[in-house]
Protein backbone atom coordinates (compact mmCIF):
# COMPACT_ATOMS: atom_id res chain seq x y z
CA MET A 1 -11.13 0.68 8.62
CA LYS A 2 -7.58 0.52 9.55
CA ASN A 3 -4.11 -0.19 8.20
CA LEU A 4 -1.03 -1.56 9.96
CA THR A 5 1.43 1.25 9.76
CA THR A 6 4.41 -0.93 8.99
CA SER A 7 4.75 -3.33 6.16
CA ILE A 8 4.38 -7.00 7.25
CA SER A 9 5.82 -9.52 4.86
CA LEU A 10 3.56 -12.48 5.65
CA ILE A 11 3.58 -13.55 2.09
CA THR A 12 6.14 -11.98 -0.26
CA LEU A 13 4.96 -12.87 -3.78
CA LEU A 14 5.47 -9.64 -5.65
CA THR A 15 5.92 -11.33 -8.90
CA ALA A 16 2.42 -12.81 -8.40
CA ALA A 17 1.09 -9.31 -7.97
CA ALA A 18 2.64 -8.21 -11.30
CA CYS A 19 0.97 -11.04 -13.07
CA SER A 20 -2.37 -10.76 -11.20
CA SER A 21 -5.39 -10.06 -13.29
CA GLN A 22 -6.53 -7.91 -10.38
CA SER A 23 -3.74 -5.33 -10.82
CA THR A 24 -3.31 -2.64 -8.25
CA ASN A 25 -2.41 -0.33 -11.11
CA GLN A 26 -5.94 -0.34 -12.48
CA ALA A 27 -8.25 2.64 -11.60
CA THR A 28 -11.70 1.69 -10.40
CA VAL A 29 -14.04 1.26 -13.39
CA VAL A 30 -17.21 3.42 -13.10
CA PRO A 31 -20.09 1.96 -14.97
CA ALA A 32 -22.50 4.22 -16.90
CA GLU A 33 -25.16 3.05 -14.50
CA PRO A 34 -24.58 1.48 -11.11
CA VAL A 35 -24.90 -2.26 -10.84
CA VAL A 36 -27.99 -3.10 -8.68
CA ASN A 37 -28.29 -6.49 -7.11
CA THR A 38 -31.75 -7.18 -5.74
CA VAL A 39 -31.26 -10.81 -4.52
CA ALA A 40 -29.73 -10.68 -1.03
CA ILE A 41 -26.20 -11.94 -0.68
CA LYS A 42 -25.93 -14.65 1.97
CA PRO A 43 -23.20 -14.40 4.68
CA ALA A 44 -20.47 -17.08 4.91
CA ILE A 45 -20.74 -17.10 8.68
CA ILE A 46 -23.25 -15.82 11.32
CA THR A 47 -21.83 -15.16 14.71
CA ASP A 48 -23.25 -16.41 18.05
CA THR A 49 -25.98 -14.12 19.44
CA VAL A 50 -25.27 -11.45 22.01
CA LYS A 51 -27.41 -10.73 25.04
CA HIS A 52 -29.13 -7.51 24.01
CA ASP A 53 -28.54 -5.49 20.77
CA THR A 54 -25.65 -5.71 18.31
CA ASP A 55 -24.69 -2.32 17.01
CA ASP A 56 -21.12 -1.91 15.55
CA PRO A 57 -18.26 -4.20 14.65
CA ALA A 58 -14.46 -3.76 14.12
CA ILE A 59 -11.91 -6.14 12.70
CA TRP A 60 -8.41 -6.64 14.31
CA VAL A 61 -6.12 -8.41 11.79
CA ASN A 62 -3.63 -10.47 13.67
CA PRO A 63 -0.15 -9.45 12.23
CA SER A 64 1.50 -12.76 13.16
CA ASN A 65 -1.27 -15.06 11.96
CA PRO A 66 -4.27 -13.53 10.16
CA ALA A 67 -6.37 -16.83 10.65
CA GLU A 68 -6.41 -15.77 14.36
CA SER A 69 -7.79 -12.34 13.72
CA LEU A 70 -10.65 -11.03 15.85
CA ILE A 71 -14.03 -9.39 15.34
CA ILE A 72 -15.03 -7.05 18.05
CA GLY A 73 -18.67 -5.94 18.41
CA THR A 74 -20.78 -3.78 20.76
CA ASP A 75 -23.91 -5.11 22.58
CA LYS A 76 -25.74 -1.83 23.14
CA ASN A 77 -27.53 -1.84 26.46
CA GLU A 78 -27.15 -0.24 29.97
CA ASP A 79 -25.96 -3.81 30.87
CA GLY A 80 -23.90 -3.96 27.75
CA ALA A 81 -20.71 -5.57 26.57
CA LEU A 82 -17.93 -5.61 24.04
CA TYR A 83 -18.08 -8.99 22.47
CA VAL A 84 -15.03 -10.72 20.79
CA PHE A 85 -15.47 -13.39 18.17
CA ASP A 86 -13.19 -15.61 16.13
CA LEU A 87 -13.37 -15.94 12.38
CA ASN A 88 -15.82 -18.80 12.75
CA GLY A 89 -18.22 -16.47 14.65
CA LYS A 90 -17.68 -18.15 18.05
CA VAL A 91 -17.55 -15.91 21.17
CA ILE A 92 -14.15 -15.88 22.93
CA GLU A 93 -15.58 -15.63 26.41
CA ASP A 94 -12.34 -14.82 28.20
CA LYS A 95 -11.98 -11.70 26.04
CA VAL A 96 -15.34 -10.27 26.28
CA VAL A 97 -15.69 -7.05 28.26
CA ARG A 98 -18.93 -6.93 30.25
CA GLY A 99 -20.61 -4.39 32.50
CA LEU A 100 -20.39 -1.49 30.08
CA LYS A 101 -23.06 1.30 30.18
CA ARG A 102 -24.54 1.33 26.72
CA PRO A 103 -21.46 0.81 24.59
CA ASN A 104 -22.28 2.22 21.13
CA ASN A 105 -19.57 2.16 18.46
CA VAL A 106 -16.09 0.69 18.34
CA ASP A 107 -12.88 1.20 16.31
CA ILE A 108 -9.35 -0.13 16.24
CA GLU A 109 -5.95 1.39 15.67
CA TYR A 110 -2.58 -0.24 15.29
CA GLY A 111 0.71 0.61 16.88
CA PHE A 112 -0.29 3.18 19.60
CA MET A 113 2.76 3.84 21.72
CA LEU A 114 2.17 2.82 25.25
CA ASN A 115 4.94 2.32 27.73
CA GLY A 116 7.48 2.63 24.85
CA GLN A 117 5.90 -0.29 23.02
CA PRO A 118 3.58 -0.20 19.88
CA THR A 119 0.12 -1.41 21.17
CA ASP A 120 -2.91 -2.22 19.18
CA ILE A 121 -5.99 -0.77 20.81
CA ALA A 122 -9.83 -0.87 20.62
CA VAL A 123 -11.75 2.20 21.61
CA VAL A 124 -15.50 2.10 22.39
CA THR A 125 -17.91 4.96 23.17
CA GLU A 126 -19.79 4.39 26.42
CA ARG A 127 -22.89 6.46 26.11
CA MET A 128 -24.24 6.56 29.65
CA THR A 129 -20.93 7.60 31.25
CA HIS A 130 -20.04 9.99 28.43
CA SER A 131 -16.63 8.24 28.29
CA LEU A 132 -14.28 6.54 25.93
CA ARG A 133 -13.21 3.04 27.06
CA ILE A 134 -9.86 1.77 25.66
CA TYR A 135 -8.54 -1.86 25.52
CA ALA A 136 -5.16 -3.18 24.51
CA LEU A 137 -5.44 -5.95 21.90
CA PRO A 138 -5.52 -8.90 21.57
CA ASP A 139 -6.12 -9.58 25.41
CA MET A 140 -8.69 -6.77 25.85
CA GLN A 141 -6.89 -5.40 28.81
CA PRO A 142 -8.28 -1.98 29.92
CA ILE A 143 -5.85 0.94 29.75
CA ASP A 144 -8.21 3.87 30.31
CA ASN A 145 -8.25 4.06 34.11
CA GLY A 146 -12.05 3.32 34.14
CA GLY A 147 -12.98 5.64 31.26
CA ILE A 148 -11.90 8.96 29.75
CA PRO A 149 -14.80 11.64 29.85
CA ILE A 150 -15.26 13.60 26.66
CA PHE A 151 -17.54 16.43 25.36
CA GLU A 152 -16.93 17.96 28.72
CA GLY A 153 -18.69 21.29 29.30
CA GLU A 154 -21.65 20.50 27.08
CA THR A 155 -24.97 20.90 28.84
CA GLU A 156 -27.65 20.62 26.12
CA THR A 157 -29.81 17.51 26.04
CA GLU A 158 -27.98 14.53 24.42
CA TYR A 159 -24.97 16.62 23.69
CA ARG A 160 -22.75 14.22 25.75
CA ASP A 161 -24.46 10.93 24.83
CA LEU A 162 -21.71 9.20 22.81
CA MET A 163 -22.30 7.35 19.61
CA GLY A 164 -19.81 7.22 16.77
CA ILE A 165 -16.06 6.77 17.09
CA ALA A 166 -13.30 6.49 14.58
CA LEU A 167 -9.50 6.35 15.10
CA TYR A 168 -6.91 8.09 12.93
CA LYS A 169 -3.13 7.49 12.92
CA SER A 170 -1.27 10.23 11.11
CA PRO A 171 1.21 8.79 8.52
CA ALA A 172 3.30 11.96 8.97
CA THR A 173 3.58 12.14 12.82
CA GLY A 174 2.41 8.73 14.04
CA LYS A 175 0.00 10.51 16.46
CA VAL A 176 -3.26 8.70 17.13
CA TYR A 177 -6.50 10.60 17.27
CA ALA A 178 -10.13 9.69 18.27
CA ILE A 179 -13.00 11.39 16.40
CA ALA A 180 -16.24 11.12 18.42
CA GLY A 181 -19.86 11.87 17.73
CA ARG A 182 -23.02 12.14 19.90
CA LYS A 183 -26.72 11.65 19.97
CA SER A 184 -27.37 15.33 19.25
CA GLY A 185 -25.25 18.39 18.74
CA PRO A 186 -24.89 21.93 17.42
CA THR A 187 -25.51 22.97 13.76
CA ASP A 188 -22.71 25.49 13.79
CA GLY A 189 -19.99 23.19 12.38
CA THR A 190 -18.68 21.67 15.63
CA TYR A 191 -20.72 18.46 15.97
CA LEU A 192 -17.65 16.17 15.97
CA TRP A 193 -14.71 16.61 18.46
CA GLN A 194 -11.29 15.28 17.78
CA TYR A 195 -8.96 14.05 20.59
CA LEU A 196 -5.21 13.37 20.61
CA LEU A 197 -4.65 10.03 22.44
CA GLU A 198 -1.32 9.73 24.39
CA ASP A 199 0.45 7.67 26.90
CA ASN A 200 -0.33 9.24 30.33
CA SER A 201 3.08 7.88 31.73
CA GLN A 202 1.04 5.84 34.24
CA GLY A 203 0.35 2.77 32.03
CA GLY A 204 -2.77 4.22 30.52
CA VAL A 205 -4.13 6.69 27.94
CA LYS A 206 -5.11 10.34 28.16
CA ALA A 207 -7.15 12.35 25.65
CA THR A 208 -6.75 16.00 24.79
CA MET A 209 -9.27 17.77 22.64
CA VAL A 210 -7.61 19.35 19.56
CA ARG A 211 -10.53 20.51 17.42
CA LYS A 212 -14.21 20.82 16.88
CA PHE A 213 -15.62 20.47 13.38
CA GLY A 214 -18.36 18.86 11.20
CA GLN A 215 -21.45 20.18 9.66
CA TYR A 216 -24.82 18.77 10.88
CA SER A 217 -28.18 19.16 9.27
CA GLY A 218 -30.15 18.86 12.51
CA LYS A 219 -32.49 16.32 10.92
CA LYS A 220 -31.65 13.18 12.90
CA GLU A 221 -28.15 12.31 14.31
CA ILE A 222 -24.61 11.41 13.37
CA GLU A 223 -23.45 7.91 14.39
CA SER A 224 -21.28 6.23 11.78
CA ILE A 225 -17.77 7.71 11.34
CA ALA A 226 -14.88 6.17 9.33
CA VAL A 227 -11.37 7.25 8.64
CA ASP A 228 -9.10 6.52 5.85
CA ASP A 229 -5.54 6.69 7.41
CA GLU A 230 -3.64 6.35 4.23
CA LEU A 231 -5.44 9.03 2.32
CA GLY A 232 -6.19 11.16 5.27
CA TYR A 233 -9.93 11.65 5.28
CA ILE A 234 -12.78 11.46 7.73
CA TYR A 235 -16.23 10.39 6.59
CA TYR A 236 -19.48 10.42 8.52
CA SER A 237 -23.14 9.83 7.98
CA ASP A 238 -25.55 12.72 8.56
CA GLU A 239 -28.55 10.48 8.78
CA GLY A 240 -31.19 11.32 6.21
CA VAL A 241 -28.86 13.62 4.24
CA GLY A 242 -25.72 11.98 3.10
CA VAL A 243 -22.02 11.31 3.77
CA ARG A 244 -19.80 14.20 4.70
CA LYS A 245 -15.98 14.30 4.14
CA TYR A 246 -13.24 16.25 5.96
CA TYR A 247 -9.50 16.11 6.31
CA ALA A 248 -8.25 13.96 9.20
CA GLU A 249 -5.28 16.01 10.06
CA PRO A 250 -6.36 18.68 12.57
CA ASP A 251 -4.06 21.42 10.99
CA LYS A 252 -5.54 20.96 7.52
CA GLY A 253 -8.64 22.96 8.43
CA ASN A 254 -12.34 22.31 8.84
CA GLU A 255 -13.54 22.75 5.19
CA GLU A 256 -16.12 20.22 4.07
CA LEU A 257 -14.60 18.53 1.03
CA ALA A 258 -17.67 16.62 -0.07
CA LEU A 259 -21.26 15.69 0.49
CA PHE A 260 -22.22 12.45 -1.31
CA ALA A 261 -24.56 9.51 -0.99
CA SER A 262 -27.36 12.11 -0.90
CA LYS A 263 -30.01 10.24 -2.99
CA ASP A 264 -31.80 6.91 -3.45
CA PHE A 265 -31.54 5.98 0.28
CA SER A 266 -34.78 4.71 1.80
CA LYS A 267 -34.38 6.60 4.99
CA ASP A 268 -31.17 6.43 7.13
CA HIS A 269 -27.60 6.67 6.08
CA GLU A 270 -25.71 4.31 8.60
CA GLY A 271 -22.50 2.29 8.72
CA ILE A 272 -19.53 3.41 6.63
CA SER A 273 -16.61 0.96 5.67
CA ILE A 274 -13.69 1.33 3.38
CA TYR A 275 -12.24 -1.38 1.33
CA LYS A 276 -8.61 -0.44 0.69
CA ILE A 277 -6.30 -1.54 -2.09
CA ASN A 278 -2.75 -0.59 -1.71
CA ASP A 279 -2.56 1.55 -4.74
CA GLY A 280 -5.02 4.06 -3.17
CA THR A 281 -8.06 2.73 -4.94
CA GLY A 282 -10.90 0.84 -3.39
CA TYR A 283 -14.53 1.33 -2.21
CA ILE A 284 -16.66 3.10 0.42
CA LEU A 285 -19.65 1.18 1.47
CA VAL A 286 -22.62 2.97 3.11
CA SER A 287 -25.55 1.22 4.76
CA ASP A 288 -29.02 2.02 3.51
CA GLN A 289 -30.36 0.73 6.79
CA GLU A 290 -34.04 0.20 6.34
CA ALA A 291 -33.61 -1.24 2.82
CA GLY A 292 -31.17 -3.83 3.87
CA ARG A 293 -28.63 -2.86 1.28
CA PHE A 294 -25.32 -1.14 0.80
CA HIS A 295 -24.42 1.61 -1.72
CA ILE A 296 -20.84 1.28 -2.85
CA PHE A 297 -18.83 4.34 -4.00
CA THR A 298 -15.25 4.80 -5.42
CA ARG A 299 -12.70 5.42 -2.62
CA GLU A 300 -10.24 7.36 -4.83
CA GLY A 301 -12.77 9.76 -6.48
CA THR A 302 -12.00 10.67 -10.08
CA SER A 303 -8.84 11.89 -11.74
CA GLN A 304 -10.16 15.36 -11.93
CA ASN A 305 -11.55 15.40 -8.38
CA PRO A 306 -10.50 13.08 -5.56
CA HIS A 307 -13.64 14.21 -3.61
CA GLN A 308 -16.06 13.07 -6.31
CA HIS A 309 -17.13 9.64 -5.04
CA GLU A 310 -19.00 7.86 -7.84
CA LEU A 311 -21.71 5.20 -7.07
CA VAL A 312 -20.69 1.99 -8.71
CA LYS A 313 -23.01 -0.60 -7.09
CA ILE A 314 -26.03 -1.14 -4.83
CA THR A 315 -26.12 -4.56 -3.29
CA LYS A 316 -28.70 -6.22 -1.11
CA VAL A 317 -27.54 -8.34 1.85
CA SER A 318 -29.15 -10.70 4.37
CA THR A 319 -28.42 -8.53 7.45
CA LEU A 320 -31.59 -6.92 9.07
CA GLU A 321 -31.46 -3.06 9.23
CA SER A 322 -27.71 -2.93 9.45
CA ASP A 323 -26.45 -0.15 11.51
CA GLY A 324 -22.75 -0.70 11.80
CA SER A 325 -20.38 -2.46 9.45
CA GLU A 326 -16.65 -3.11 8.81
CA VAL A 327 -14.45 -4.38 5.99
CA THR A 328 -10.86 -5.50 5.41
CA SER A 329 -8.96 -6.29 2.28
CA ALA A 330 -6.54 -8.58 4.20
CA ALA A 331 -6.35 -12.27 3.20
CA LEU A 332 -7.46 -13.83 6.57
CA ASN A 333 -7.88 -17.58 5.88
CA SER A 334 -9.22 -20.05 3.31
CA THR A 335 -12.84 -18.80 3.86
CA PHE A 336 -11.89 -15.13 3.38
CA PRO A 337 -8.92 -15.07 1.00
CA ASN A 338 -9.86 -11.62 -0.43
CA GLY A 339 -11.01 -9.98 2.71
CA MET A 340 -14.09 -9.88 4.88
CA PHE A 341 -17.17 -7.67 5.17
CA VAL A 342 -18.93 -7.70 8.64
CA ALA A 343 -22.35 -6.15 9.27
CA MET A 344 -24.47 -6.10 12.27
CA SER A 345 -28.04 -7.47 12.14
CA THR A 346 -31.01 -6.75 14.41
CA ASP A 347 -31.34 -10.49 15.17
CA LYS A 348 -28.47 -9.93 17.75
CA THR A 349 -25.77 -11.28 15.50
CA PHE A 350 -22.94 -10.02 13.26
CA GLN A 351 -22.74 -11.44 9.71
CA TYR A 352 -19.41 -12.25 7.92
CA TYR A 353 -19.43 -11.97 4.16
CA LYS A 354 -16.69 -12.96 1.72
CA TRP A 355 -15.54 -9.79 -0.18
CA GLU A 356 -15.76 -11.61 -3.50
CA ASP A 357 -19.46 -12.12 -2.89
CA ILE A 358 -19.98 -8.43 -2.17
CA ALA A 359 -17.81 -7.51 -5.17
CA GLY A 360 -19.45 -9.88 -7.64
CA LYS A 361 -18.32 -9.31 -11.26
CA GLY A 362 -18.15 -5.49 -11.05
CA LEU A 363 -15.74 -4.65 -8.16
CA LYS A 364 -11.95 -5.19 -7.77
CA LEU A 365 -10.26 -7.55 -5.35
CA ALA A 366 -7.07 -6.78 -3.48
CA PRO A 367 -4.24 -8.71 -5.19
CA ASN A 368 -4.35 -12.52 -4.25
CA GLY A 369 -1.26 -13.89 -2.55
CA VAL A 370 0.25 -10.58 -1.67
CA VAL A 371 0.01 -9.11 1.89
CA THR A 372 2.46 -6.18 2.11
CA SER A 373 0.39 -4.43 4.65
CA LEU A 374 -2.61 -5.56 6.63
CA GLN A 375 -5.80 -3.56 6.31
CA ALA A 376 -8.66 -3.64 8.57
CA ASN A 377 -11.78 -0.12 9.71
CA LYS A 378 -14.68 2.11 10.12
CA LYS A 379 -16.92 2.75 11.47
């Protein structure tokens, strides 16, 4: 889940924020026992169907007009595509990218410097070509010269079969990085590779590997990856084990900071999404795939330990075996005034939920009427 790096005063109602009952100064309240919702929440909107197999969504928040924001999602097949939907779930046909070779996961970053201009980008993993594919938003123009090969030099089976992707923009340097995962990999702490993305001076993007990191249990695979730009952390699902946490800045080292979400999952840990509130609080949502529900943890940890992510809620949703998901706290339109949660469903659709429906009575909302920076993520 991503955040525009510059403040955008679409609505300047700071006095309303001070009076809001949903104050951003409040820490997340952790109940003695997590709230468990057993009745499935219904989506506000279900998208048009894709041709093959929905897998992972991303949200691009339009900085000029949030009501014209886009949902981008992969159709995972050797004859695959990167679909683009409007906020009503309708396919925007002239933006859809077809002919991709098993596109797996997608993520978005804002303000990548290309030709001297800040450019919003969508990056997708193309499994069968072992490449990153990169597109400029909102027009979905390719800027990757046909694809950027990664995990080069790996020869073991499935070690180059791309899956997860997350983008990180350093608040300190403005550099943009891609963190990529694969179908299988080593168990020596080098499962994920992090690449610096840069202008190649020819109208496109180049990628330079800057570190290898990430513990892996060896049990299943690592697919879902999410980055919290503002707090500087990477999260990823080691399926069947839990969610692992690392620093996003390459020079901060490869120490594992936390392993959480390690119990009460039915089978696979999947999609990770981060609902961000501007005071540094919020929530981390993790898909319990086979159970059709999401486990929701505190984003900020505790006052004693920022890496202790407490479970506050488990909520059932209507998506079928959700693999990938994304969330934003930006006010988008009258249907999604407090943000949107998007999850893929195995019926070839993506489902859009109102954040207030996910939150219920137990979770916070971002302050109504105040958009000082647009937030969108993660997978």
